[in-house]
Amino acid sequence: MGELLVRRHLVQDGLNLVQRLHLVDAIFDPSGIRYCASDAAPAFIELMRAPYSQNLKTRAKWLMGHFAEKDDSAMERYISEKIGRWAVEFQGESDSDEAGL
């Protein structure tokens, strides 16, 4: 469980960074917050040439090909099957602080 909480912080820090760089847009709707690439993102990604960046692009393309057609309920089922109840990963920070994690 501690690993999931650490990852939650890493994801949040990453989202904050790419938002500050105007590479993603947050969309608020009744189902929650969704993030999508901004208009500036493709040009920025094309500039990335390091081997790590190239590998990251390859993995992102695989991810899109594998999950692009899945709706929210299908994604929730997939995540639940693979890592358990995904809501655990997004628990409030005060819960983990009180637990001493």
Protein backbone atom coordinates (compact mmCIF):
# COMPACT_ATOMS: atom_id res chain seq x y z
CA MET A 1 0.00 0.00 0.00
CA GLY A 2 2.86 2.39 0.73
CA GLU A 3 4.12 1.98 -2.82
CA LEU A 4 0.73 3.03 -4.19
CA LEU A 5 0.75 6.15 -2.03
CA VAL A 6 4.24 7.06 -3.24
CA ARG A 7 3.14 6.60 -6.84
CA ARG A 8 0.11 8.79 -6.22
CA HIS A 9 2.42 11.63 -5.21
CA LEU A 10 4.66 11.05 -8.22
CA VAL A 11 1.68 11.14 -10.57
CA GLN A 12 0.37 14.32 -8.95
CA ASP A 13 3.80 15.98 -9.11
CA GLY A 14 4.10 15.00 -12.78
CA LEU A 15 0.67 16.39 -13.59
CA ASN A 16 1.48 19.64 -11.80
CA LEU A 17 4.70 19.98 -13.80
CA VAL A 18 3.18 19.39 -17.22
CA GLN A 19 0.31 21.76 -16.36
CA ARG A 20 2.80 24.50 -15.43
CA LEU A 21 4.49 23.91 -18.78
CA HIS A 22 1.10 24.15 -20.53
CA LEU A 23 1.48 20.65 -21.98
CA VAL A 24 -1.78 19.26 -20.58
CA ASP A 25 -5.19 20.71 -19.97
CA ALA A 26 -7.42 19.73 -17.06
CA ILE A 27 -11.05 19.18 -17.98
CA PHE A 28 -13.57 19.30 -15.16
CA ASP A 29 -16.84 17.46 -15.73
CA PRO A 30 -19.45 15.63 -13.63
CA SER A 31 -17.40 12.42 -13.67
CA GLY A 32 -14.29 14.13 -12.28
CA ILE A 33 -11.09 15.61 -13.63
CA ARG A 34 -9.69 14.43 -16.93
CA TYR A 35 -6.37 15.41 -18.43
CA CYS A 36 -5.58 15.73 -22.12
CA ALA A 37 -2.64 16.91 -24.15
CA SER A 38 -2.69 20.62 -24.93
CA ASP A 39 -2.14 22.06 -28.39
CA ALA A 40 1.52 22.67 -27.45
CA ALA A 41 2.24 19.05 -26.48
CA PRO A 42 2.91 17.48 -29.92
CA ALA A 43 5.57 20.06 -30.84
CA PHE A 44 7.27 19.59 -27.47
CA ILE A 45 7.24 15.80 -27.79
CA GLU A 46 8.80 15.98 -31.25
CA LEU A 47 11.80 17.79 -29.71
CA MET A 48 12.53 14.90 -27.34
CA ARG A 49 15.45 12.89 -28.76
CA ALA A 50 17.14 11.15 -25.80
CA PRO A 51 16.89 7.32 -25.75
CA TYR A 52 14.74 7.50 -22.61
CA SER A 53 12.34 9.86 -24.40
CA GLN A 54 12.20 7.65 -27.46
CA ASN A 55 11.37 4.62 -25.29
CA LEU A 56 8.73 6.66 -23.48
CA LYS A 57 7.12 7.59 -26.81
CA THR A 58 7.06 3.93 -27.84
CA ARG A 59 5.34 2.97 -24.60
CA ALA A 60 2.85 5.82 -24.90
CA LYS A 61 1.92 4.69 -28.42
CA TRP A 62 1.39 1.15 -27.15
CA LEU A 63 -0.74 2.45 -24.29
CA MET A 64 -2.95 4.48 -26.64
CA GLY A 65 -3.34 1.56 -29.02
CA HIS A 66 -4.24 -0.77 -26.19
CA PHE A 67 -6.65 1.47 -24.26
CA ALA A 68 -7.94 4.19 -26.61
CA GLU A 69 -11.22 2.44 -27.38
CA LYS A 70 -12.03 1.45 -23.79
CA ASP A 71 -14.66 3.41 -21.89
CA ASP A 72 -14.38 4.40 -18.22
CA SER A 73 -16.07 1.27 -16.87
CA ALA A 74 -13.81 -1.00 -18.94
CA MET A 75 -10.76 0.88 -17.66
CA GLU A 76 -11.93 0.57 -14.06
CA ARG A 77 -12.44 -3.19 -14.51
CA TYR A 78 -9.00 -3.58 -16.07
CA ILE A 79 -7.26 -1.61 -13.32
CA SER A 80 -9.17 -3.47 -10.60
CA GLU A 81 -8.12 -6.80 -12.10
CA LYS A 82 -4.46 -5.79 -12.38
CA ILE A 83 -3.76 -3.84 -9.18
CA GLY A 84 -6.84 -4.19 -7.03
CA ARG A 85 -9.21 -1.41 -6.17
CA TRP A 86 -7.64 1.58 -7.90
CA ALA A 87 -9.28 4.03 -5.53
CA VAL A 88 -6.72 2.98 -2.90
CA GLU A 89 -4.02 4.68 -4.98
CA PHE A 90 -5.90 7.96 -4.85
CA GLN A 91 -6.74 8.09 -1.16
CA GLY A 92 -6.59 11.46 0.50
CA GLU A 93 -3.20 12.49 1.77
CA SER A 94 -4.55 13.02 5.28
CA ASP A 95 -5.47 9.32 5.45
CA SER A 96 -1.86 8.29 4.79
CA ASP A 97 -0.51 10.92 7.19
CA GLU A 98 -2.74 9.67 9.99
CA ALA A 99 -1.64 6.11 9.31
CA GLY A 100 2.01 7.14 9.66
CA LEU A 101 2.88 6.27 6.06
